[in-house]
Amino acid sequence: MVQDIYEVKGMTCDHCVKAVSSEVGALDGVTGVEVDLKTGRVTVSSGERLAYDAVAEAVDEAGYDLIARREQ
């Protein structure tokens, strides 16, 4: 299993958390999504590393901006 941490800009409430979780969680291979509203970090668990562009598109679809994938 792979866990990647992304930084997302613009999330301010529980609705934001649900929207990002739903869109990113719908990507093929995703097994879990955890959103930390305070830090803007989104941890995505998947069978293999997801394409950055796919995650960026899902976050954009939710109405927010993906800033970066953090190196672990």
N, C-alpha and C. Protein backbone atom coordinates (compact mmCIF):
# COMPACT_ATOMS: atom_id res chain seq x y z
N MET A 1 0.84 -1.18 0.00
CA MET A 1 0.00 0.00 0.00
C MET A 1 0.89 1.25 0.00
N VAL A 2 0.42 2.28 -0.70
CA VAL A 2 1.12 3.55 -0.79
C VAL A 2 0.29 4.61 -0.09
N GLN A 3 0.96 5.48 0.66
CA GLN A 3 0.29 6.64 1.26
C GLN A 3 1.01 7.89 0.80
N ASP A 4 0.27 8.77 0.14
CA ASP A 4 0.83 10.05 -0.30
C ASP A 4 0.12 11.16 0.43
N ILE A 5 0.88 12.21 0.74
CA ILE A 5 0.31 13.37 1.43
C ILE A 5 0.35 14.55 0.47
N TYR A 6 -0.80 15.20 0.32
CA TYR A 6 -0.94 16.34 -0.58
C TYR A 6 -1.33 17.57 0.23
N GLU A 7 -0.96 18.73 -0.27
CA GLU A 7 -1.38 19.99 0.33
C GLU A 7 -2.46 20.59 -0.56
N VAL A 8 -3.59 20.92 0.06
CA VAL A 8 -4.72 21.47 -0.66
C VAL A 8 -5.06 22.84 -0.09
N LYS A 9 -5.28 23.80 -0.97
CA LYS A 9 -5.57 25.17 -0.57
C LYS A 9 -7.07 25.45 -0.72
N GLY A 10 -7.62 26.16 0.28
CA GLY A 10 -8.99 26.65 0.16
C GLY A 10 -10.03 25.92 1.01
N MET A 11 -9.65 24.84 1.69
CA MET A 11 -10.61 24.11 2.52
C MET A 11 -10.81 24.85 3.84
N THR A 12 -12.08 25.06 4.22
CA THR A 12 -12.36 25.81 5.44
C THR A 12 -13.39 25.17 6.36
N CYS A 13 -14.08 24.11 5.89
CA CYS A 13 -15.17 23.57 6.71
C CYS A 13 -15.38 22.08 6.43
N ASP A 14 -16.33 21.49 7.15
CA ASP A 14 -16.63 20.07 6.97
C ASP A 14 -17.12 19.75 5.57
N HIS A 15 -17.84 20.68 4.96
CA HIS A 15 -18.29 20.48 3.58
C HIS A 15 -17.09 20.30 2.66
N CYS A 16 -16.05 21.10 2.87
CA CYS A 16 -14.83 21.01 2.08
C CYS A 16 -14.21 19.62 2.23
N VAL A 17 -14.13 19.15 3.45
CA VAL A 17 -13.57 17.84 3.74
C VAL A 17 -14.35 16.76 3.00
N LYS A 18 -15.67 16.83 3.06
CA LYS A 18 -16.51 15.82 2.39
C LYS A 18 -16.34 15.87 0.88
N ALA A 19 -16.28 17.08 0.32
CA ALA A 19 -16.15 17.23 -1.13
C ALA A 19 -14.82 16.66 -1.63
N VAL A 20 -13.73 17.00 -0.96
CA VAL A 20 -12.42 16.50 -1.37
C VAL A 20 -12.34 14.99 -1.16
N SER A 21 -12.82 14.52 -0.03
CA SER A 21 -12.80 13.07 0.26
C SER A 21 -13.58 12.30 -0.79
N SER A 22 -14.71 12.81 -1.19
CA SER A 22 -15.56 12.14 -2.16
C SER A 22 -14.90 12.09 -3.54
N GLU A 23 -14.39 13.21 -4.01
CA GLU A 23 -13.78 13.26 -5.35
C GLU A 23 -12.50 12.44 -5.42
N VAL A 24 -11.62 12.61 -4.44
CA VAL A 24 -10.36 11.87 -4.45
C VAL A 24 -10.62 10.39 -4.19
N GLY A 25 -11.56 10.10 -3.31
CA GLY A 25 -11.90 8.72 -2.99
C GLY A 25 -12.47 7.94 -4.16
N ALA A 26 -13.00 8.65 -5.15
CA ALA A 26 -13.59 8.00 -6.33
C ALA A 26 -12.53 7.60 -7.37
N LEU A 27 -11.29 8.03 -7.19
CA LEU A 27 -10.23 7.67 -8.14
C LEU A 27 -9.94 6.18 -8.05
N ASP A 28 -9.65 5.57 -9.20
CA ASP A 28 -9.31 4.15 -9.24
C ASP A 28 -8.11 3.85 -8.36
N GLY A 29 -8.25 2.83 -7.53
CA GLY A 29 -7.15 2.38 -6.70
C GLY A 29 -7.09 2.99 -5.31
N VAL A 30 -7.90 4.03 -5.07
CA VAL A 30 -7.87 4.68 -3.75
C VAL A 30 -8.59 3.81 -2.73
N THR A 31 -7.93 3.57 -1.61
CA THR A 31 -8.52 2.75 -0.55
C THR A 31 -8.88 3.57 0.68
N GLY A 32 -8.40 4.82 0.74
CA GLY A 32 -8.73 5.66 1.88
C GLY A 32 -8.27 7.09 1.66
N VAL A 33 -9.02 8.03 2.25
CA VAL A 33 -8.68 9.45 2.18
C VAL A 33 -8.89 10.05 3.57
N GLU A 34 -7.86 10.71 4.08
CA GLU A 34 -7.96 11.42 5.35
C GLU A 34 -7.62 12.88 5.11
N VAL A 35 -8.50 13.77 5.57
CA VAL A 35 -8.30 15.20 5.37
C VAL A 35 -8.09 15.87 6.72
N ASP A 36 -7.00 16.63 6.83
CA ASP A 36 -6.73 17.42 8.03
C ASP A 36 -7.02 18.87 7.67
N LEU A 37 -8.16 19.34 8.10
CA LEU A 37 -8.63 20.68 7.75
C LEU A 37 -7.68 21.76 8.25
N LYS A 38 -7.12 21.58 9.44
CA LYS A 38 -6.22 22.58 10.03
C LYS A 38 -4.98 22.82 9.17
N THR A 39 -4.38 21.75 8.70
CA THR A 39 -3.12 21.86 7.95
C THR A 39 -3.33 21.90 6.44
N GLY A 40 -4.51 21.52 5.98
CA GLY A 40 -4.76 21.45 4.55
C GLY A 40 -4.16 20.22 3.90
N ARG A 41 -3.75 19.27 4.73
CA ARG A 41 -3.13 18.06 4.21
C ARG A 41 -4.17 16.96 3.96
N VAL A 42 -3.99 16.30 2.84
CA VAL A 42 -4.86 15.19 2.46
C VAL A 42 -3.98 13.97 2.28
N THR A 43 -4.23 12.94 3.08
CA THR A 43 -3.48 11.69 2.98
C THR A 43 -4.31 10.69 2.18
N VAL A 44 -3.72 10.20 1.10
CA VAL A 44 -4.42 9.28 0.21
C VAL A 44 -3.72 7.93 0.25
N SER A 45 -4.48 6.90 0.57
CA SER A 45 -3.98 5.53 0.56
C SER A 45 -4.45 4.85 -0.71
N SER A 46 -3.54 4.12 -1.36
CA SER A 46 -3.90 3.45 -2.61
C SER A 46 -2.99 2.25 -2.82
N GLY A 47 -3.39 1.40 -3.75
CA GLY A 47 -2.61 0.21 -4.06
C GLY A 47 -1.27 0.54 -4.68
N GLU A 48 -1.23 1.59 -5.48
CA GLU A 48 0.02 2.07 -6.06
C GLU A 48 -0.07 3.58 -6.21
N ARG A 49 1.06 4.22 -6.40
CA ARG A 49 1.11 5.68 -6.46
C ARG A 49 0.21 6.20 -7.58
N LEU A 50 -0.61 7.18 -7.23
CA LEU A 50 -1.52 7.79 -8.20
C LEU A 50 -0.79 8.87 -9.00
N ALA A 51 -1.26 9.10 -10.20
CA ALA A 51 -0.72 10.18 -11.01
C ALA A 51 -1.09 11.51 -10.36
N TYR A 52 -0.12 12.39 -10.23
CA TYR A 52 -0.35 13.70 -9.61
C TYR A 52 -1.49 14.43 -10.31
N ASP A 53 -1.49 14.40 -11.64
CA ASP A 53 -2.52 15.10 -12.41
C ASP A 53 -3.92 14.59 -12.11
N ALA A 54 -4.05 13.29 -11.87
CA ALA A 54 -5.37 12.72 -11.56
C ALA A 54 -5.87 13.24 -10.21
N VAL A 55 -4.98 13.31 -9.24
CA VAL A 55 -5.36 13.83 -7.92
C VAL A 55 -5.68 15.32 -8.03
N ALA A 56 -4.86 16.05 -8.78
CA ALA A 56 -5.10 17.49 -8.97
C ALA A 56 -6.46 17.74 -9.61
N GLU A 57 -6.81 16.93 -10.59
CA GLU A 57 -8.10 17.08 -11.27
C GLU A 57 -9.26 16.79 -10.31
N ALA A 58 -9.12 15.77 -9.48
CA ALA A 58 -10.16 15.43 -8.51
C ALA A 58 -10.34 16.55 -7.49
N VAL A 59 -9.24 17.10 -7.01
CA VAL A 59 -9.31 18.20 -6.04
C VAL A 59 -9.95 19.42 -6.70
N ASP A 60 -9.57 19.70 -7.95
CA ASP A 60 -10.16 20.82 -8.69
C ASP A 60 -11.66 20.61 -8.88
N GLU A 61 -12.06 19.40 -9.18
CA GLU A 61 -13.48 19.06 -9.35
C GLU A 61 -14.26 19.35 -8.07
N ALA A 62 -13.60 19.17 -6.93
CA ALA A 62 -14.23 19.45 -5.63
C ALA A 62 -14.27 20.95 -5.35
N GLY A 63 -13.51 21.73 -6.12
CA GLY A 63 -13.53 23.19 -5.97
C GLY A 63 -12.34 23.78 -5.23
N TYR A 64 -11.24 23.03 -5.15
CA TYR A 64 -10.07 23.48 -4.39
C TYR A 64 -8.82 23.33 -5.24
N ASP A 65 -7.70 23.82 -4.71
CA ASP A 65 -6.44 23.79 -5.44
C ASP A 65 -5.44 22.87 -4.78
N LEU A 66 -4.88 21.96 -5.57
CA LEU A 66 -3.80 21.09 -5.09
C LEU A 66 -2.50 21.86 -5.25
N ILE A 67 -1.78 22.02 -4.14
CA ILE A 67 -0.54 22.81 -4.15
C ILE A 67 0.66 21.92 -4.41
N ALA A 68 0.75 20.78 -3.70
CA ALA A 68 1.94 19.96 -3.81
C ALA A 68 1.69 18.57 -3.23
N ARG A 69 2.54 17.63 -3.67
CA ARG A 69 2.60 16.31 -3.02
C ARG A 69 3.83 16.37 -2.14
N ARG A 70 3.67 16.06 -0.86
CA ARG A 70 4.79 16.10 0.08
C ARG A 70 5.61 14.83 -0.05
N GLU A 71 6.90 15.02 -0.02
CA GLU A 71 7.81 13.86 -0.03
C GLU A 71 7.83 13.28 1.38
N GLN A 72 7.89 11.97 1.46
CA GLN A 72 7.88 11.32 2.77
C GLN A 72 9.24 10.78 3.11
